[in-house]
Amino acid sequence: MARNIKFYEQYAMVCQVITKPSRLLIIDLLGRNKMNVSELQEKTQLSTSSLSNHLNALFKMGVLNKSKDGVYAYYSLADVGLLKIIENMSKFVLKLSEHKAEYLREE
């Protein structure tokens, strides 16, 4: 399938939104089960405003779903396939780290 530049512009936009370390942590946590803001704050140790900004950015991009249960807002991944992509990227990063360590030992 041939893709055009518009596709890659959108791809890059999504990557820019999800590749902040705190957002990757949030995605990883929500890949296990849905959580409310208090639970996420406890697990991430982010301030309320920082967590809120990250959640809003991920929600607006369509990465997260949000549902209400009484006074609590619960977040979950919109597509668990994203977790697979991040897991594969994590393996790739670890391989690169090993390769880089070997390269540095050789010099």
N, C-alpha and C. Protein backbone atom coordinates (compact mmCIF):
# COMPACT_ATOMS: atom_id res chain seq x y z
N MET A 1 0.85 -1.18 0.00
CA MET A 1 0.00 0.00 0.00
C MET A 1 0.89 1.24 0.00
N ALA A 2 0.75 2.06 -1.01
CA ALA A 2 1.50 3.31 -1.09
C ALA A 2 0.86 4.35 -0.18
N ARG A 3 1.68 5.02 0.58
CA ARG A 3 1.18 6.06 1.48
C ARG A 3 1.74 7.40 1.04
N ASN A 4 0.96 8.44 1.22
CA ASN A 4 1.41 9.77 0.82
C ASN A 4 1.89 10.57 2.03
N ILE A 5 2.38 11.74 1.76
CA ILE A 5 2.95 12.59 2.81
C ILE A 5 1.92 12.95 3.88
N LYS A 6 0.65 13.10 3.50
CA LYS A 6 -0.40 13.43 4.47
C LYS A 6 -0.50 12.33 5.54
N PHE A 7 -0.39 11.08 5.10
CA PHE A 7 -0.43 9.97 6.05
C PHE A 7 0.71 10.10 7.05
N TYR A 8 1.92 10.37 6.57
CA TYR A 8 3.07 10.47 7.45
C TYR A 8 3.04 11.71 8.33
N GLU A 9 2.38 12.76 7.88
CA GLU A 9 2.19 13.94 8.73
C GLU A 9 1.30 13.58 9.92
N GLN A 10 0.22 12.85 9.63
CA GLN A 10 -0.67 12.41 10.71
C GLN A 10 0.04 11.43 11.64
N TYR A 11 0.79 10.53 11.06
CA TYR A 11 1.57 9.55 11.83
C TYR A 11 2.51 10.28 12.79
N ALA A 12 3.22 11.29 12.27
CA ALA A 12 4.16 12.06 13.09
C ALA A 12 3.44 12.80 14.20
N MET A 13 2.25 13.34 13.91
CA MET A 13 1.47 14.03 14.94
C MET A 13 1.11 13.10 16.09
N VAL A 14 0.66 11.90 15.76
CA VAL A 14 0.32 10.93 16.80
C VAL A 14 1.58 10.58 17.61
N CYS A 15 2.68 10.35 16.92
CA CYS A 15 3.93 10.02 17.61
C CYS A 15 4.37 11.13 18.55
N GLN A 16 4.23 12.38 18.11
CA GLN A 16 4.60 13.50 18.97
C GLN A 16 3.77 13.53 20.25
N VAL A 17 2.51 13.18 20.15
CA VAL A 17 1.64 13.21 21.32
C VAL A 17 1.97 12.07 22.28
N ILE A 18 2.25 10.89 21.76
CA ILE A 18 2.42 9.74 22.66
C ILE A 18 3.85 9.53 23.16
N THR A 19 4.85 10.20 22.58
CA THR A 19 6.22 9.85 22.93
C THR A 19 6.84 10.63 24.08
N LYS A 20 6.07 11.31 24.83
CA LYS A 20 6.60 11.92 26.06
C LYS A 20 6.67 10.81 27.12
N PRO A 21 7.74 10.76 27.90
CA PRO A 21 7.89 9.66 28.87
C PRO A 21 6.68 9.47 29.80
N SER A 22 6.13 10.55 30.31
CA SER A 22 4.97 10.43 31.20
C SER A 22 3.77 9.83 30.47
N ARG A 23 3.60 10.18 29.22
CA ARG A 23 2.48 9.66 28.44
C ARG A 23 2.68 8.18 28.12
N LEU A 24 3.90 7.79 27.87
CA LEU A 24 4.18 6.37 27.64
C LEU A 24 3.86 5.57 28.91
N LEU A 25 4.19 6.12 30.07
CA LEU A 25 3.86 5.46 31.34
C LEU A 25 2.35 5.35 31.50
N ILE A 26 1.63 6.41 31.22
CA ILE A 26 0.17 6.40 31.32
C ILE A 26 -0.43 5.33 30.39
N ILE A 27 0.05 5.29 29.16
CA ILE A 27 -0.43 4.29 28.20
C ILE A 27 -0.14 2.88 28.70
N ASP A 28 1.05 2.69 29.23
CA ASP A 28 1.42 1.37 29.77
C ASP A 28 0.49 0.97 30.91
N LEU A 29 0.22 1.90 31.82
CA LEU A 29 -0.66 1.60 32.96
C LEU A 29 -2.09 1.31 32.49
N LEU A 30 -2.57 2.09 31.55
CA LEU A 30 -3.94 1.91 31.07
C LEU A 30 -4.08 0.70 30.14
N GLY A 31 -2.96 0.17 29.72
CA GLY A 31 -3.00 -1.06 28.93
C GLY A 31 -3.35 -2.27 29.77
N ARG A 32 -3.22 -2.13 31.07
CA ARG A 32 -3.53 -3.22 31.98
C ARG A 32 -5.00 -3.20 32.42
N ASN A 33 -5.51 -2.02 32.72
CA ASN A 33 -6.93 -1.86 33.06
C ASN A 33 -7.27 -0.37 33.14
N LYS A 34 -8.56 -0.07 33.10
CA LYS A 34 -8.96 1.34 33.19
C LYS A 34 -8.69 1.85 34.59
N MET A 35 -8.44 3.14 34.69
CA MET A 35 -8.13 3.77 35.98
C MET A 35 -8.75 5.15 36.03
N ASN A 36 -9.02 5.60 37.25
CA ASN A 36 -9.47 6.98 37.41
C ASN A 36 -8.25 7.87 37.67
N VAL A 37 -8.48 9.15 37.72
CA VAL A 37 -7.39 10.12 37.85
C VAL A 37 -6.61 9.89 39.14
N SER A 38 -7.29 9.63 40.24
CA SER A 38 -6.60 9.40 41.52
C SER A 38 -5.67 8.20 41.44
N GLU A 39 -6.14 7.13 40.82
CA GLU A 39 -5.31 5.93 40.68
C GLU A 39 -4.09 6.21 39.80
N LEU A 40 -4.32 6.94 38.72
CA LEU A 40 -3.21 7.28 37.83
C LEU A 40 -2.21 8.20 38.51
N GLN A 41 -2.72 9.13 39.29
CA GLN A 41 -1.83 10.06 39.99
C GLN A 41 -0.96 9.30 40.99
N GLU A 42 -1.55 8.36 41.70
CA GLU A 42 -0.80 7.55 42.66
C GLU A 42 0.30 6.75 41.96
N LYS A 43 -0.04 6.15 40.82
CA LYS A 43 0.92 5.29 40.10
C LYS A 43 2.01 6.10 39.39
N THR A 44 1.66 7.28 38.88
CA THR A 44 2.62 8.07 38.10
C THR A 44 3.41 9.08 38.93
N GLN A 45 2.85 9.46 40.06
CA GLN A 45 3.45 10.50 40.92
C GLN A 45 3.51 11.87 40.21
N LEU A 46 2.64 12.08 39.23
CA LEU A 46 2.57 13.37 38.56
C LEU A 46 1.64 14.30 39.33
N SER A 47 1.88 15.59 39.20
CA SER A 47 0.97 16.56 39.82
C SER A 47 -0.38 16.47 39.11
N THR A 48 -1.41 16.96 39.78
CA THR A 48 -2.75 16.92 39.21
C THR A 48 -2.81 17.65 37.87
N SER A 49 -2.21 18.84 37.81
CA SER A 49 -2.29 19.61 36.56
C SER A 49 -1.49 18.95 35.45
N SER A 50 -0.33 18.41 35.77
CA SER A 50 0.48 17.73 34.75
C SER A 50 -0.24 16.49 34.23
N LEU A 51 -0.78 15.69 35.13
CA LEU A 51 -1.52 14.49 34.73
C LEU A 51 -2.73 14.88 33.87
N SER A 52 -3.44 15.90 34.30
CA SER A 52 -4.60 16.37 33.56
C SER A 52 -4.23 16.79 32.13
N ASN A 53 -3.12 17.52 31.99
CA ASN A 53 -2.66 17.95 30.66
C ASN A 53 -2.33 16.74 29.78
N HIS A 54 -1.64 15.76 30.34
CA HIS A 54 -1.28 14.57 29.58
C HIS A 54 -2.53 13.79 29.16
N LEU A 55 -3.45 13.60 30.11
CA LEU A 55 -4.68 12.86 29.80
C LEU A 55 -5.50 13.57 28.72
N ASN A 56 -5.60 14.89 28.83
CA ASN A 56 -6.36 15.65 27.83
C ASN A 56 -5.74 15.54 26.45
N ALA A 57 -4.42 15.63 26.37
CA ALA A 57 -3.74 15.53 25.07
C ALA A 57 -3.96 14.15 24.45
N LEU A 58 -3.84 13.11 25.27
CA LEU A 58 -4.04 11.74 24.77
C LEU A 58 -5.50 11.50 24.38
N PHE A 59 -6.42 12.07 25.15
CA PHE A 59 -7.85 11.92 24.86
C PHE A 59 -8.21 12.65 23.55
N LYS A 60 -7.73 13.89 23.41
CA LYS A 60 -8.03 14.67 22.21
C LYS A 60 -7.49 14.01 20.95
N MET A 61 -6.36 13.32 21.06
CA MET A 61 -5.76 12.65 19.90
C MET A 61 -6.50 11.34 19.58
N GLY A 62 -7.35 10.88 20.53
CA GLY A 62 -8.08 9.64 20.29
C GLY A 62 -7.39 8.42 20.82
N VAL A 63 -6.33 8.62 21.60
CA VAL A 63 -5.57 7.50 22.16
C VAL A 63 -6.30 6.89 23.35
N LEU A 64 -7.01 7.74 24.10
CA LEU A 64 -7.72 7.28 25.29
C LEU A 64 -9.23 7.44 25.15
N ASN A 65 -9.94 6.58 25.86
CA ASN A 65 -11.38 6.72 26.07
C ASN A 65 -11.59 7.24 27.48
N LYS A 66 -12.68 7.96 27.67
CA LYS A 66 -13.02 8.46 29.01
C LYS A 66 -14.46 8.11 29.29
N SER A 67 -14.73 7.58 30.49
CA SER A 67 -16.09 7.28 30.89
C SER A 67 -16.30 7.79 32.32
N LYS A 68 -17.53 8.12 32.63
CA LYS A 68 -17.88 8.62 33.96
C LYS A 68 -18.58 7.53 34.76
N ASP A 69 -18.24 7.46 36.03
CA ASP A 69 -18.93 6.58 36.97
C ASP A 69 -19.12 7.40 38.24
N GLY A 70 -20.28 8.01 38.36
CA GLY A 70 -20.51 8.92 39.48
C GLY A 70 -19.66 10.16 39.31
N VAL A 71 -18.84 10.46 40.32
CA VAL A 71 -17.98 11.63 40.26
C VAL A 71 -16.62 11.33 39.63
N TYR A 72 -16.35 10.06 39.38
CA TYR A 72 -15.05 9.66 38.85
C TYR A 72 -15.04 9.54 37.34
N ALA A 73 -13.96 10.04 36.74
CA ALA A 73 -13.72 9.86 35.31
C ALA A 73 -12.70 8.73 35.18
N TYR A 74 -13.04 7.74 34.39
CA TYR A 74 -12.14 6.61 34.16
C TYR A 74 -11.57 6.69 32.76
N TYR A 75 -10.29 6.39 32.65
CA TYR A 75 -9.61 6.40 31.36
C TYR A 75 -9.20 4.98 31.00
N SER A 76 -9.22 4.70 29.70
CA SER A 76 -8.76 3.43 29.18
C SER A 76 -8.18 3.67 27.79
N LEU A 77 -7.43 2.70 27.29
CA LEU A 77 -6.89 2.83 25.94
C LEU A 77 -8.01 2.68 24.92
N ALA A 78 -8.00 3.51 23.91
CA ALA A 78 -9.00 3.42 22.85
C ALA A 78 -8.76 2.18 22.00
N ASP A 79 -7.50 1.78 21.88
CA ASP A 79 -7.15 0.60 21.09
C ASP A 79 -5.94 -0.06 21.73
N VAL A 80 -6.12 -1.27 22.25
CA VAL A 80 -5.02 -1.96 22.93
C VAL A 80 -3.89 -2.32 21.96
N GLY A 81 -4.13 -2.19 20.67
CA GLY A 81 -3.07 -2.41 19.69
C GLY A 81 -1.91 -1.46 19.90
N LEU A 82 -2.19 -0.28 20.44
CA LEU A 82 -1.15 0.70 20.74
C LEU A 82 -0.15 0.13 21.74
N LEU A 83 -0.65 -0.62 22.69
CA LEU A 83 0.23 -1.22 23.70
C LEU A 83 1.22 -2.18 23.04
N LYS A 84 0.76 -2.93 22.06
CA LYS A 84 1.65 -3.85 21.32
C LYS A 84 2.75 -3.08 20.60
N ILE A 85 2.36 -1.96 19.99
CA ILE A 85 3.34 -1.14 19.29
C ILE A 85 4.41 -0.64 20.26
N ILE A 86 3.97 -0.18 21.43
CA ILE A 86 4.91 0.34 22.42
C ILE A 86 5.78 -0.78 22.97
N GLU A 87 5.22 -1.96 23.18
CA GLU A 87 6.02 -3.10 23.63
C GLU A 87 7.09 -3.46 22.60
N ASN A 88 6.72 -3.45 21.32
CA ASN A 88 7.69 -3.74 20.26
C ASN A 88 8.77 -2.66 20.21
N MET A 89 8.38 -1.42 20.37
CA MET A 89 9.35 -0.34 20.37
C MET A 89 10.29 -0.46 21.58
N SER A 90 9.76 -0.88 22.72
CA SER A 90 10.58 -1.08 23.91
C SER A 90 11.65 -2.14 23.66
N LYS A 91 11.27 -3.23 23.01
CA LYS A 91 12.24 -4.27 22.66
C LYS A 91 13.31 -3.71 21.73
N PHE A 92 12.89 -2.91 20.76
CA PHE A 92 13.83 -2.30 19.83
C PHE A 92 14.80 -1.37 20.55
N VAL A 93 14.29 -0.57 21.48
CA VAL A 93 15.13 0.35 22.24
C VAL A 93 16.15 -0.43 23.07
N LEU A 94 15.72 -1.52 23.70
CA LEU A 94 16.65 -2.34 24.48
C LEU A 94 17.74 -2.92 23.59
N LYS A 95 17.37 -3.38 22.40
CA LYS A 95 18.37 -3.90 21.46
C LYS A 95 19.36 -2.81 21.07
N LEU A 96 18.85 -1.62 20.79
CA LEU A 96 19.73 -0.51 20.44
C LEU A 96 20.67 -0.18 21.59
N SER A 97 20.16 -0.22 22.80
CA SER A 97 20.98 0.07 23.98
C SER A 97 22.10 -0.95 24.11
N GLU A 98 21.78 -2.23 23.87
CA GLU A 98 22.79 -3.28 23.94
C GLU A 98 23.84 -3.08 22.85
N HIS A 99 23.37 -2.76 21.65
CA HIS A 99 24.28 -2.52 20.52
C HIS A 99 25.18 -1.33 20.81
N LYS A 100 24.62 -0.28 21.34
CA LYS A 100 25.39 0.92 21.65
C LYS A 100 26.44 0.61 22.72
N ALA A 101 26.06 -0.17 23.73
CA ALA A 101 27.00 -0.54 24.79
C ALA A 101 28.16 -1.36 24.21
N GLU A 102 27.86 -2.29 23.31
CA GLU A 102 28.90 -3.09 22.66
C GLU A 102 29.82 -2.20 21.83
N TYR A 103 29.23 -1.26 21.10
CA TYR A 103 29.99 -0.35 20.26
C TYR A 103 30.93 0.49 21.12
N LEU A 104 30.46 0.98 22.24
CA LEU A 104 31.28 1.82 23.11
C LEU A 104 32.41 1.02 23.75
N ARG A 105 32.16 -0.26 24.05
CA ARG A 105 33.22 -1.12 24.62
C ARG A 105 34.33 -1.37 23.62
N GLU A 106 33.98 -1.40 22.34
CA GLU A 106 34.96 -1.66 21.29
C GLU A 106 35.91 -0.49 21.08
N GLU A 107 35.47 0.70 21.40
CA GLU A 107 36.30 1.90 21.16
C GLU A 107 37.29 2.14 22.24
